[in-house]
Amino acid sequence: MYFNEEQIKTFFKKAADHFNECEFFFDALSPMGMKIAKKQVLKKGGMGMSMEDGWGLKPVLSLEQWDKRIRVIRSFPMSKGMKKGIALQFKIMGAITDMLGVCSMVHMRIGSSR
């Protein structure tokens, strides 16, 4: 949420230029997730980020269009598998955000061949 699309694209392309193969695991907000995060977290939390900054990823497979060396291995909802040991309100909130595709975990591979 702190970088724009061009900054992220440049980072992954430079990683592809530097490493023959590597993998990344990261969380990604959808455009809706960005709106929620900016309103709820950044603005109310007093963080110094502009409401115009950042970038929301949707669909996740669009990453593969940036460079032929990029391949999305898997993506899954952020809250998946995190239901045990948390309060009911957070379980409900996690289920809703998972259904809406607000935040995902992404496993991406960079390599010379697909």
PDB file of N, CA and C in Angstrom:
ATOM      1  N   MET A   1       0.805  -1.196   0.000  1.00  0.00           N
ATOM      2  CA  MET A   1       0.000   0.000   0.000  1.00  0.00           C
ATOM      3  C   MET A   1       0.849   1.261   0.000  1.00  0.00           C
ATOM      4  N   TYR A   2       2.134   1.135   0.222  1.00  0.00           N
ATOM      5  CA  TYR A   2       2.996   2.312   0.332  1.00  0.00           C
ATOM      6  C   TYR A   2       3.671   2.700  -0.978  1.00  0.00           C
ATOM      7  N   PHE A   3       3.561   1.851  -1.997  1.00  0.00           N
ATOM      8  CA  PHE A   3       4.235   2.096  -3.264  1.00  0.00           C
ATOM      9  C   PHE A   3       3.221   2.131  -4.401  1.00  0.00           C
ATOM     10  N   ASN A   4       3.566   2.830  -5.462  1.00  0.00           N
ATOM     11  CA  ASN A   4       2.670   2.832  -6.611  1.00  0.00           C
ATOM     12  C   ASN A   4       3.029   1.656  -7.531  1.00  0.00           C
ATOM     13  N   GLU A   5       2.186   1.427  -8.518  1.00  0.00           N
ATOM     14  CA  GLU A   5       2.374   0.267  -9.395  1.00  0.00           C
ATOM     15  C   GLU A   5       3.721   0.287 -10.106  1.00  0.00           C
ATOM     16  N   GLU A   6       4.134   1.429 -10.590  1.00  0.00           N
ATOM     17  CA  GLU A   6       5.403   1.514 -11.333  1.00  0.00           C
ATOM     18  C   GLU A   6       6.596   1.175 -10.438  1.00  0.00           C
ATOM     19  N   GLN A   7       6.575   1.595  -9.182  1.00  0.00           N
ATOM     20  CA  GLN A   7       7.662   1.273  -8.256  1.00  0.00           C
ATOM     21  C   GLN A   7       7.739  -0.233  -8.003  1.00  0.00           C
ATOM     22  N   ILE A   8       6.596  -0.855  -7.841  1.00  0.00           N
ATOM     23  CA  ILE A   8       6.560  -2.291  -7.584  1.00  0.00           C
ATOM     24  C   ILE A   8       7.012  -3.068  -8.821  1.00  0.00           C
ATOM     25  N   LYS A   9       6.535  -2.653  -9.976  1.00  0.00           N
ATOM     26  CA  LYS A   9       6.916  -3.296 -11.231  1.00  0.00           C
ATOM     27  C   LYS A   9       8.424  -3.189 -11.449  1.00  0.00           C
ATOM     28  N   THR A  10       8.973  -2.023 -11.208  1.00  0.00           N
ATOM     29  CA  THR A  10      10.420  -1.808 -11.359  1.00  0.00           C
ATOM     30  C   THR A  10      11.204  -2.710 -10.415  1.00  0.00           C
ATOM     31  N   PHE A  11      10.735  -2.831  -9.175  1.00  0.00           N
ATOM     32  CA  PHE A  11      11.405  -3.693  -8.193  1.00  0.00           C
ATOM     33  C   PHE A  11      11.467  -5.135  -8.685  1.00  0.00           C
ATOM     34  N   PHE A  12      10.328  -5.670  -9.125  1.00  0.00           N
ATOM     35  CA  PHE A  12      10.301  -7.063  -9.565  1.00  0.00           C
ATOM     36  C   PHE A  12      11.119  -7.278 -10.834  1.00  0.00           C
ATOM     37  N   LYS A  13      11.111  -6.333 -11.733  1.00  0.00           N
ATOM     38  CA  LYS A  13      11.930  -6.467 -12.946  1.00  0.00           C
ATOM     39  C   LYS A  13      13.421  -6.430 -12.609  1.00  0.00           C
ATOM     40  N   LYS A  14      13.815  -5.574 -11.674  1.00  0.00           N
ATOM     41  CA  LYS A  14      15.220  -5.537 -11.260  1.00  0.00           C
ATOM     42  C   LYS A  14      15.612  -6.833 -10.556  1.00  0.00           C
ATOM     43  N   ALA A  15      14.698  -7.387  -9.768  1.00  0.00           N
ATOM     44  CA  ALA A  15      14.967  -8.679  -9.118  1.00  0.00           C
ATOM     45  C   ALA A  15      15.163  -9.757 -10.178  1.00  0.00           C
ATOM     46  N   ALA A  16      14.330  -9.736 -11.215  1.00  0.00           N
ATOM     47  CA  ALA A  16      14.450 -10.714 -12.306  1.00  0.00           C
ATOM     48  C   ALA A  16      15.766 -10.541 -13.057  1.00  0.00           C
ATOM     49  N   ASP A  17      16.229  -9.300 -13.208  1.00  0.00           N
ATOM     50  CA  ASP A  17      17.507  -9.049 -13.878  1.00  0.00           C
ATOM     51  C   ASP A  17      18.685  -9.521 -13.031  1.00  0.00           C
ATOM     52  N   HIS A  18      18.549  -9.444 -11.713  1.00  0.00           N
ATOM     53  CA  HIS A  18      19.653  -9.742 -10.808  1.00  0.00           C
ATOM     54  C   HIS A  18      19.756 -11.237 -10.457  1.00  0.00           C
ATOM     55  N   PHE A  19      18.603 -11.881 -10.253  1.00  0.00           N
ATOM     56  CA  PHE A  19      18.596 -13.283  -9.837  1.00  0.00           C
ATOM     57  C   PHE A  19      18.114 -14.167 -10.984  1.00  0.00           C
ATOM     58  N   ASN A  20      18.748 -15.322 -11.146  1.00  0.00           N
ATOM     59  CA  ASN A  20      18.263 -16.288 -12.137  1.00  0.00           C
ATOM     60  C   ASN A  20      16.885 -16.797 -11.754  1.00  0.00           C
ATOM     61  N   GLU A  21      16.737 -17.102 -10.480  1.00  0.00           N
ATOM     62  CA  GLU A  21      15.456 -17.554  -9.939  1.00  0.00           C
ATOM     63  C   GLU A  21      15.323 -17.053  -8.507  1.00  0.00           C
ATOM     64  N   CYS A  22      14.120 -16.670  -8.155  1.00  0.00           N
ATOM     65  CA  CYS A  22      13.832 -16.302  -6.771  1.00  0.00           C
ATOM     66  C   CYS A  22      12.322 -16.349  -6.572  1.00  0.00           C
ATOM     67  N   GLU A  23      11.910 -16.374  -5.330  1.00  0.00           N
ATOM     68  CA  GLU A  23      10.489 -16.404  -5.007  1.00  0.00           C
ATOM     69  C   GLU A  23      10.175 -15.319  -4.006  1.00  0.00           C
ATOM     70  N   PHE A  24       8.957 -14.818  -4.100  1.00  0.00           N
ATOM     71  CA  PHE A  24       8.473 -13.797  -3.183  1.00  0.00           C
ATOM     72  C   PHE A  24       7.136 -14.248  -2.602  1.00  0.00           C
ATOM     73  N   PHE A  25       6.957 -13.956  -1.336  1.00  0.00           N
ATOM     74  CA  PHE A  25       5.683 -14.135  -0.652  1.00  0.00           C
ATOM     75  C   PHE A  25       5.330 -12.766  -0.093  1.00  0.00           C
ATOM     76  N   PHE A  26       4.173 -12.250  -0.438  1.00  0.00           N
ATOM     77  CA  PHE A  26       3.802 -10.921   0.035  1.00  0.00           C
ATOM     78  C   PHE A  26       2.295 -10.786   0.122  1.00  0.00           C
ATOM     79  N   ASP A  27       1.874  -9.807   0.904  1.00  0.00           N
ATOM     80  CA  ASP A  27       0.452  -9.516   0.968  1.00  0.00           C
ATOM     81  C   ASP A  27       0.138  -8.401  -0.016  1.00  0.00           C
ATOM     82  N   ALA A  28      -1.052  -8.464  -0.581  1.00  0.00           N
ATOM     83  CA  ALA A  28      -1.468  -7.474  -1.568  1.00  0.00           C
ATOM     84  C   ALA A  28      -2.906  -7.070  -1.289  1.00  0.00           C
ATOM     85  N   LEU A  29      -3.144  -5.784  -1.302  1.00  0.00           N
ATOM     86  CA  LEU A  29      -4.496  -5.266  -1.150  1.00  0.00           C
ATOM     87  C   LEU A  29      -5.126  -5.072  -2.518  1.00  0.00           C
ATOM     88  N   SER A  30      -6.413  -5.340  -2.606  1.00  0.00           N
ATOM     89  CA  SER A  30      -7.166  -5.031  -3.821  1.00  0.00           C
ATOM     90  C   SER A  30      -7.447  -3.529  -3.832  1.00  0.00           C
ATOM     91  N   PRO A  31      -7.947  -2.999  -4.935  1.00  0.00           N
ATOM     92  CA  PRO A  31      -8.321  -1.577  -4.934  1.00  0.00           C
ATOM     93  C   PRO A  31      -9.312  -1.242  -3.802  1.00  0.00           C
ATOM     94  N   MET A  32     -10.278  -2.140  -3.541  1.00  0.00           N
ATOM     95  CA  MET A  32     -11.207  -1.917  -2.432  1.00  0.00           C
ATOM     96  C   MET A  32     -10.457  -1.945  -1.100  1.00  0.00           C
ATOM     97  N   GLY A  33      -9.519  -2.874  -0.983  1.00  0.00           N
ATOM     98  CA  GLY A  33      -8.716  -2.953   0.232  1.00  0.00           C
ATOM     99  C   GLY A  33      -7.915  -1.687   0.470  1.00  0.00           C
ATOM    100  N   MET A  34      -7.427  -1.085  -0.608  1.00  0.00           N
ATOM    101  CA  MET A  34      -6.687   0.179  -0.487  1.00  0.00           C
ATOM    102  C   MET A  34      -7.583   1.273   0.061  1.00  0.00           C
ATOM    103  N   LYS A  35      -8.802   1.365  -0.442  1.00  0.00           N
ATOM    104  CA  LYS A  35      -9.733   2.392   0.047  1.00  0.00           C
ATOM    105  C   LYS A  35     -10.013   2.205   1.532  1.00  0.00           C
ATOM    106  N   ILE A  36     -10.255   0.971   1.926  1.00  0.00           N
ATOM    107  CA  ILE A  36     -10.529   0.677   3.337  1.00  0.00           C
ATOM    108  C   ILE A  36      -9.314   1.010   4.192  1.00  0.00           C
ATOM    109  N   ALA A  37      -8.134   0.564   3.744  1.00  0.00           N
ATOM    110  CA  ALA A  37      -6.909   0.800   4.517  1.00  0.00           C
ATOM    111  C   ALA A  37      -6.636   2.288   4.678  1.00  0.00           C
ATOM    112  N   LYS A  38      -6.807   3.025   3.610  1.00  0.00           N
ATOM    113  CA  LYS A  38      -6.534   4.462   3.685  1.00  0.00           C
ATOM    114  C   LYS A  38      -7.500   5.156   4.624  1.00  0.00           C
ATOM    115  N   LYS A  39      -8.746   4.782   4.559  1.00  0.00           N
ATOM    116  CA  LYS A  39      -9.746   5.419   5.414  1.00  0.00           C
ATOM    117  C   LYS A  39      -9.579   5.006   6.876  1.00  0.00           C
ATOM    118  N   GLN A  40      -9.464   3.711   7.101  1.00  0.00           N
ATOM    119  CA  GLN A  40      -9.450   3.193   8.464  1.00  0.00           C
ATOM    120  C   GLN A  40      -8.093   3.269   9.152  1.00  0.00           C
ATOM    121  N   VAL A  41      -7.051   3.011   8.411  1.00  0.00           N
ATOM    122  CA  VAL A  41      -5.733   2.912   9.027  1.00  0.00           C
ATOM    123  C   VAL A  41      -4.936   4.200   8.890  1.00  0.00           C
ATOM    124  N   LEU A  42      -4.761   4.653   7.678  1.00  0.00           N
ATOM    125  CA  LEU A  42      -3.880   5.792   7.437  1.00  0.00           C
ATOM    126  C   LEU A  42      -4.450   7.108   7.941  1.00  0.00           C
ATOM    127  N   LYS A  43      -5.656   7.399   7.542  1.00  0.00           N
ATOM    128  CA  LYS A  43      -6.255   8.682   7.904  1.00  0.00           C
ATOM    129  C   LYS A  43      -6.532   8.759   9.403  1.00  0.00           C
ATOM    130  N   LYS A  44      -7.228   7.767   9.927  1.00  0.00           N
ATOM    131  CA  LYS A  44      -7.576   7.771  11.350  1.00  0.00           C
ATOM    132  C   LYS A  44      -6.361   7.541  12.237  1.00  0.00           C
ATOM    133  N   GLY A  45      -5.372   6.822  11.699  1.00  0.00           N
ATOM    134  CA  GLY A  45      -4.175   6.533  12.485  1.00  0.00           C
ATOM    135  C   GLY A  45      -3.156   7.655  12.479  1.00  0.00           C
ATOM    136  N   GLY A  46      -3.413   8.703  11.695  1.00  0.00           N
ATOM    137  CA  GLY A  46      -2.511   9.847  11.670  1.00  0.00           C
ATOM    138  C   GLY A  46      -1.216   9.601  10.918  1.00  0.00           C
ATOM    139  N   MET A  47      -1.201   8.593  10.044  1.00  0.00           N
ATOM    140  CA  MET A  47       0.009   8.320   9.276  1.00  0.00           C
ATOM    141  C   MET A  47       0.160   9.374   8.189  1.00  0.00           C
ATOM    142  N   GLY A  48       1.375   9.672   7.812  1.00  0.00           N
ATOM    143  CA  GLY A  48       1.655  10.753   6.893  1.00  0.00           C
ATOM    144  C   GLY A  48       1.587  10.384   5.423  1.00  0.00           C
ATOM    145  N   MET A  49       0.810   9.399   5.057  1.00  0.00           N
ATOM    146  CA  MET A  49       0.704   8.992   3.660  1.00  0.00           C
ATOM    147  C   MET A  49      -0.470   9.686   2.999  1.00  0.00           C
ATOM    148  N   SER A  50      -0.265  10.122   1.794  1.00  0.00           N
ATOM    149  CA  SER A  50      -1.322  10.761   1.028  1.00  0.00           C
ATOM    150  C   SER A  50      -2.402   9.743   0.695  1.00  0.00           C
ATOM    151  N   MET A  51      -3.626  10.185   0.664  1.00  0.00           N
ATOM    152  CA  MET A  51      -4.729   9.300   0.306  1.00  0.00           C
ATOM    153  C   MET A  51      -4.659   8.909  -1.174  1.00  0.00           C
ATOM    154  N   GLU A  52      -3.858   9.603  -1.957  1.00  0.00           N
ATOM    155  CA  GLU A  52      -3.707   9.273  -3.379  1.00  0.00           C
ATOM    156  C   GLU A  52      -2.585   8.263  -3.619  1.00  0.00           C
ATOM    157  N   ASP A  53      -1.684   8.092  -2.672  1.00  0.00           N
ATOM    158  CA  ASP A  53      -0.558   7.180  -2.834  1.00  0.00           C
ATOM    159  C   ASP A  53      -1.016   5.727  -2.778  1.00  0.00           C
ATOM    160  N   GLY A  54      -0.140   4.842  -3.204  1.00  0.00           N
ATOM    161  CA  GLY A  54      -0.389   3.413  -3.098  1.00  0.00           C
ATOM    162  C   GLY A  54      -1.038   2.840  -4.339  1.00  0.00           C
ATOM    163  N   TRP A  55      -1.201   1.531  -4.316  1.00  0.00           N
ATOM    164  CA  TRP A  55      -1.738   0.822  -5.469  1.00  0.00           C
ATOM    165  C   TRP A  55      -2.398  -0.467  -5.007  1.00  0.00           C
ATOM    166  N   GLY A  56      -3.553  -0.770  -5.559  1.00  0.00           N
ATOM    167  CA  GLY A  56      -4.265  -1.999  -5.250  1.00  0.00           C
ATOM    168  C   GLY A  56      -4.150  -2.988  -6.395  1.00  0.00           C
ATOM    169  N   LEU A  57      -3.839  -4.217  -6.081  1.00  0.00           N
ATOM    170  CA  LEU A  57      -3.610  -5.271  -7.078  1.00  0.00           C
ATOM    171  C   LEU A  57      -4.887  -6.056  -7.343  1.00  0.00           C
ATOM    172  N   LYS A  58      -5.316  -6.074  -8.575  1.00  0.00           N
ATOM    173  CA  LYS A  58      -6.441  -6.902  -8.978  1.00  0.00           C
ATOM    174  C   LYS A  58      -6.463  -6.964 -10.484  1.00  0.00           C
ATOM    175  N   PRO A  59      -6.528  -8.108 -11.060  1.00  0.00           N
ATOM    176  CA  PRO A  59      -6.363  -9.424 -10.453  1.00  0.00           C
ATOM    177  C   PRO A  59      -4.892  -9.749 -10.224  1.00  0.00           C
ATOM    178  N   VAL A  60      -4.655 -10.694  -9.346  1.00  0.00           N
ATOM    179  CA  VAL A  60      -3.288 -11.069  -8.993  1.00  0.00           C
ATOM    180  C   VAL A  60      -2.503 -11.545 -10.222  1.00  0.00           C
ATOM    181  N   LEU A  61      -3.159 -12.254 -11.119  1.00  0.00           N
ATOM    182  CA  LEU A  61      -2.454 -12.766 -12.308  1.00  0.00           C
ATOM    183  C   LEU A  61      -1.962 -11.663 -13.239  1.00  0.00           C
ATOM    184  N   SER A  62      -2.428 -10.433 -13.033  1.00  0.00           N
ATOM    185  CA  SER A  62      -1.934  -9.324 -13.867  1.00  0.00           C
ATOM    186  C   SER A  62      -0.438  -9.089 -13.659  1.00  0.00           C
ATOM    187  N   LEU A  63       0.113  -9.578 -12.558  1.00  0.00           N
ATOM    188  CA  LEU A  63       1.559  -9.470 -12.335  1.00  0.00           C
ATOM    189  C   LEU A  63       2.347 -10.148 -13.452  1.00  0.00           C
ATOM    190  N   GLU A  64       1.805 -11.225 -13.986  1.00  0.00           N
ATOM    191  CA  GLU A  64       2.503 -11.975 -15.031  1.00  0.00           C
ATOM    192  C   GLU A  64       2.628 -11.182 -16.336  1.00  0.00           C
ATOM    193  N   GLN A  65       1.831 -10.168 -16.512  1.00  0.00           N
ATOM    194  CA  GLN A  65       1.892  -9.347 -17.713  1.00  0.00           C
ATOM    195  C   GLN A  65       3.063  -8.364 -17.676  1.00  0.00           C
ATOM    196  N   TRP A  66       3.642  -8.151 -16.527  1.00  0.00           N
ATOM    197  CA  TRP A  66       4.741  -7.204 -16.390  1.00  0.00           C
ATOM    198  C   TRP A  66       6.023  -7.702 -17.038  1.00  0.00           C
ATOM    199  N   ASP A  67       6.257  -9.001 -16.974  1.00  0.00           N
ATOM    200  CA  ASP A  67       7.511  -9.568 -17.464  1.00  0.00           C
ATOM    201  C   ASP A  67       7.307 -11.062 -17.668  1.00  0.00           C
ATOM    202  N   LYS A  68       7.855 -11.613 -18.736  1.00  0.00           N
ATOM    203  CA  LYS A  68       7.672 -13.038 -19.028  1.00  0.00           C
ATOM    204  C   LYS A  68       8.334 -13.937 -17.991  1.00  0.00           C
ATOM    205  N   ARG A  69       9.216 -13.398 -17.174  1.00  0.00           N
ATOM    206  CA  ARG A  69       9.896 -14.190 -16.148  1.00  0.00           C
ATOM    207  C   ARG A  69       9.097 -14.296 -14.851  1.00  0.00           C
ATOM    208  N   ILE A  70       8.002 -13.567 -14.734  1.00  0.00           N
ATOM    209  CA  ILE A  70       7.185 -13.549 -13.522  1.00  0.00           C
ATOM    210  C   ILE A  70       6.043 -14.552 -13.659  1.00  0.00           C
ATOM    211  N   ARG A  71       5.884 -15.371 -12.614  1.00  0.00           N
ATOM    212  CA  ARG A  71       4.780 -16.329 -12.590  1.00  0.00           C
ATOM    213  C   ARG A  71       4.169 -16.357 -11.196  1.00  0.00           C
ATOM    214  N   VAL A  72       2.868 -16.206 -11.122  1.00  0.00           N
ATOM    215  CA  VAL A  72       2.148 -16.327  -9.854  1.00  0.00           C
ATOM    216  C   VAL A  72       1.928 -17.814  -9.600  1.00  0.00           C
ATOM    217  N   ILE A  73       2.439 -18.294  -8.498  1.00  0.00           N
ATOM    218  CA  ILE A  73       2.303 -19.704  -8.127  1.00  0.00           C
ATOM    219  C   ILE A  73       0.948 -19.933  -7.471  1.00  0.00           C
ATOM    220  N   ARG A  74       0.607 -19.021  -6.555  1.00  0.00           N
ATOM    221  CA  ARG A  74      -0.619 -19.192  -5.784  1.00  0.00           C
ATOM    222  C   ARG A  74      -0.981 -17.881  -5.127  1.00  0.00           C
ATOM    223  N   SER A  75      -2.256 -17.667  -4.946  1.00  0.00           N
ATOM    224  CA  SER A  75      -2.709 -16.583  -4.090  1.00  0.00           C
ATOM    225  C   SER A  75      -3.907 -17.096  -3.306  1.00  0.00           C
ATOM    226  N   PHE A  76      -4.052 -16.614  -2.102  1.00  0.00           N
ATOM    227  CA  PHE A  76      -5.156 -17.046  -1.257  1.00  0.00           C
ATOM    228  C   PHE A  76      -5.519 -15.926  -0.299  1.00  0.00           C
ATOM    229  N   PRO A  77      -6.752 -15.943   0.207  1.00  0.00           N
ATOM    230  CA  PRO A  77      -7.191 -14.876   1.106  1.00  0.00           C
ATOM    231  C   PRO A  77      -6.287 -14.764   2.330  1.00  0.00           C
ATOM    232  N   MET A  78      -6.063 -13.546   2.752  1.00  0.00           N
ATOM    233  CA  MET A  78      -5.154 -13.253   3.863  1.00  0.00           C
ATOM    234  C   MET A  78      -5.547 -13.984   5.150  1.00  0.00           C
ATOM    235  N   SER A  79      -6.820 -14.076   5.439  1.00  0.00           N
ATOM    236  CA  SER A  79      -7.266 -14.664   6.711  1.00  0.00           C
ATOM    237  C   SER A  79      -7.396 -16.173   6.676  1.00  0.00           C
ATOM    238  N   LYS A  80      -7.203 -16.770   5.510  1.00  0.00           N
ATOM    239  CA  LYS A  80      -7.376 -18.228   5.393  1.00  0.00           C
ATOM    240  C   LYS A  80      -6.466 -18.959   6.377  1.00  0.00           C
ATOM    241  N   GLY A  81      -7.076 -19.840   7.142  1.00  0.00           N
ATOM    242  CA  GLY A  81      -6.311 -20.638   8.091  1.00  0.00           C
ATOM    243  C   GLY A  81      -5.982 -19.926   9.385  1.00  0.00           C
ATOM    244  N   MET A  82      -6.490 -18.716   9.567  1.00  0.00           N
ATOM    245  CA  MET A  82      -6.177 -17.953  10.783  1.00  0.00           C
ATOM    246  C   MET A  82      -7.417 -17.789  11.663  1.00  0.00           C
ATOM    247  N   LYS A  83      -8.270 -18.773  11.687  1.00  0.00           N
ATOM    248  CA  LYS A  83      -9.534 -18.665  12.416  1.00  0.00           C
ATOM    249  C   LYS A  83      -9.433 -19.142  13.872  1.00  0.00           C
ATOM    250  N   LYS A  84      -8.448 -19.957  14.183  1.00  0.00           N
ATOM    251  CA  LYS A  84      -8.339 -20.516  15.532  1.00  0.00           C
ATOM    252  C   LYS A  84      -7.700 -19.513  16.485  1.00  0.00           C
ATOM    253  N   GLY A  85      -8.259 -19.453  17.684  1.00  0.00           N
ATOM    254  CA  GLY A  85      -7.661 -18.645  18.740  1.00  0.00           C
ATOM    255  C   GLY A  85      -7.866 -17.148  18.605  1.00  0.00           C
ATOM    256  N   ILE A  86      -8.791 -16.713  17.746  1.00  0.00           N
ATOM    257  CA  ILE A  86      -9.051 -15.274  17.654  1.00  0.00           C
ATOM    258  C   ILE A  86     -10.514 -15.002  18.000  1.00  0.00           C
ATOM    259  N   ALA A  87     -10.791 -13.789  18.425  1.00  0.00           N
ATOM    260  CA  ALA A  87     -12.130 -13.407  18.855  1.00  0.00           C
ATOM    261  C   ALA A  87     -13.125 -13.511  17.706  1.00  0.00           C
ATOM    262  N   LEU A  88     -14.386 -13.754  18.036  1.00  0.00           N
ATOM    263  CA  LEU A  88     -15.441 -13.921  17.050  1.00  0.00           C
ATOM    264  C   LEU A  88     -15.536 -12.728  16.102  1.00  0.00           C
ATOM    265  N   GLN A  89     -15.413 -11.519  16.620  1.00  0.00           N
ATOM    266  CA  GLN A  89     -15.524 -10.334  15.758  1.00  0.00           C
ATOM    267  C   GLN A  89     -14.448 -10.320  14.676  1.00  0.00           C
ATOM    268  N   PHE A  90     -13.254 -10.786  14.998  1.00  0.00           N
ATOM    269  CA  PHE A  90     -12.178 -10.839  14.013  1.00  0.00           C
ATOM    270  C   PHE A  90     -12.379 -11.990  13.023  1.00  0.00           C
ATOM    271  N   LYS A  91     -12.986 -13.095  13.487  1.00  0.00           N
ATOM    272  CA  LYS A  91     -13.329 -14.188  12.577  1.00  0.00           C
ATOM    273  C   LYS A  91     -14.339 -13.707  11.539  1.00  0.00           C
ATOM    274  N   ILE A  92     -15.348 -12.973  12.002  1.00  0.00           N
ATOM    275  CA  ILE A  92     -16.375 -12.453  11.097  1.00  0.00           C
ATOM    276  C   ILE A  92     -15.765 -11.451  10.131  1.00  0.00           C
ATOM    277  N   MET A  93     -14.964 -10.532  10.656  1.00  0.00           N
ATOM    278  CA  MET A  93     -14.329  -9.533   9.806  1.00  0.00           C
ATOM    279  C   MET A  93     -13.417 -10.204   8.773  1.00  0.00           C
ATOM    280  N   GLY A  94     -12.666 -11.207   9.190  1.00  0.00           N
ATOM    281  CA  GLY A  94     -11.791 -11.931   8.275  1.00  0.00           C
ATOM    282  C   GLY A  94     -12.565 -12.661   7.196  1.00  0.00           C
ATOM    283  N   ALA A  95     -13.698 -13.273   7.580  1.00  0.00           N
ATOM    284  CA  ALA A  95     -14.522 -13.985   6.604  1.00  0.00           C
ATOM    285  C   ALA A  95     -15.088 -13.023   5.564  1.00  0.00           C
ATOM    286  N   ILE A  96     -15.519 -11.862   5.993  1.00  0.00           N
ATOM    287  CA  ILE A  96     -16.073 -10.870   5.063  1.00  0.00           C
ATOM    288  C   ILE A  96     -14.999 -10.358   4.114  1.00  0.00           C
ATOM    289  N   THR A  97     -13.847  -9.994   4.654  1.00  0.00           N
ATOM    290  CA  THR A  97     -12.782  -9.481   3.784  1.00  0.00           C
ATOM    291  C   THR A  97     -12.270 -10.560   2.833  1.00  0.00           C
ATOM    292  N   ASP A  98     -12.261 -11.815   3.281  1.00  0.00           N
ATOM    293  CA  ASP A  98     -11.863 -12.921   2.400  1.00  0.00           C
ATOM    294  C   ASP A  98     -12.860 -13.082   1.251  1.00  0.00           C
ATOM    295  N   MET A  99     -14.160 -13.006   1.562  1.00  0.00           N
ATOM    296  CA  MET A  99     -15.184 -13.142   0.522  1.00  0.00           C
ATOM    297  C   MET A  99     -15.100 -12.011  -0.498  1.00  0.00           C
ATOM    298  N   LEU A 100     -14.751 -10.825  -0.035  1.00  0.00           N
ATOM    299  CA  LEU A 100     -14.665  -9.659  -0.922  1.00  0.00           C
ATOM    300  C   LEU A 100     -13.324  -9.562  -1.644  1.00  0.00           C
ATOM    301  N   GLY A 101     -12.378 -10.396  -1.276  1.00  0.00           N
ATOM    302  CA  GLY A 101     -11.059 -10.368  -1.913  1.00  0.00           C
ATOM    303  C   GLY A 101     -10.269  -9.118  -1.587  1.00  0.00           C
ATOM    304  N   VAL A 102     -10.400  -8.631  -0.366  1.00  0.00           N
ATOM    305  CA  VAL A 102      -9.772  -7.378   0.050  1.00  0.00           C
ATOM    306  C   VAL A 102      -8.256  -7.495   0.182  1.00  0.00           C
ATOM    307  N   CYS A 103      -7.796  -8.601   0.733  1.00  0.00           N
ATOM    308  CA  CYS A 103      -6.350  -8.769   0.951  1.00  0.00           C
ATOM    309  C   CYS A 103      -5.966 -10.220   0.672  1.00  0.00           C
ATOM    310  N   SER A 104      -4.898 -10.388  -0.074  1.00  0.00           N
ATOM    311  CA  SER A 104      -4.435 -11.720  -0.449  1.00  0.00           C
ATOM    312  C   SER A 104      -2.972 -11.904  -0.081  1.00  0.00           C
ATOM    313  N   MET A 105      -2.615 -13.150   0.112  1.00  0.00           N
ATOM    314  CA  MET A 105      -1.216 -13.535   0.195  1.00  0.00           C
ATOM    315  C   MET A 105      -0.854 -14.064  -1.181  1.00  0.00           C
ATOM    316  N   VAL A 106       0.299 -13.633  -1.688  1.00  0.00           N
ATOM    317  CA  VAL A 106       0.709 -14.011  -3.036  1.00  0.00           C
ATOM    318  C   VAL A 106       2.060 -14.719  -2.979  1.00  0.00           C
ATOM    319  N   HIS A 107       2.158 -15.823  -3.686  1.00  0.00           N
ATOM    320  CA  HIS A 107       3.415 -16.547  -3.862  1.00  0.00           C
ATOM    321  C   HIS A 107       3.782 -16.406  -5.333  1.00  0.00           C
ATOM    322  N   MET A 108       4.883 -15.750  -5.594  1.00  0.00           N
ATOM    323  CA  MET A 108       5.298 -15.447  -6.949  1.00  0.00           C
ATOM    324  C   MET A 108       6.713 -15.954  -7.180  1.00  0.00           C
ATOM    325  N   ARG A 109       6.962 -16.475  -8.381  1.00  0.00           N
ATOM    326  CA  ARG A 109       8.299 -16.941  -8.739  1.00  0.00           C
ATOM    327  C   ARG A 109       8.823 -16.124  -9.905  1.00  0.00           C
ATOM    328  N   ILE A 110      10.088 -15.765  -9.809  1.00  0.00           N
ATOM    329  CA  ILE A 110      10.771 -15.100 -10.905  1.00  0.00           C
ATOM    330  C   ILE A 110      11.851 -16.056 -11.393  1.00  0.00           C
ATOM    331  N   GLY A 111      11.876 -16.282 -12.693  1.00  0.00           N
ATOM    332  CA  GLY A 111      12.862 -17.182 -13.244  1.00  0.00           C
ATOM    333  C   GLY A 111      12.978 -16.976 -14.742  1.00  0.00           C
ATOM    334  N   SER A 112      14.000 -17.570 -15.320  1.00  0.00           N
ATOM    335  CA  SER A 112      14.261 -17.386 -16.745  1.00  0.00           C
ATOM    336  C   SER A 112      13.269 -18.145 -17.612  1.00  0.00           C
ATOM    337  N   SER A 113      12.632 -19.175 -17.041  1.00  0.00           N
ATOM    338  CA  SER A 113      11.656 -19.929 -17.831  1.00  0.00           C
ATOM    339  C   SER A 113      10.364 -20.039 -17.053  1.00  0.00           C
ATOM    340  N   ARG A 114       9.287 -20.199 -17.780  1.00  0.00           N
ATOM    341  CA  ARG A 114       7.974 -20.293 -17.145  1.00  0.00           C
ATOM    342  C   ARG A 114       7.590 -21.701 -16.906  1.00  0.00           C
TER     343      ARG A 114
END
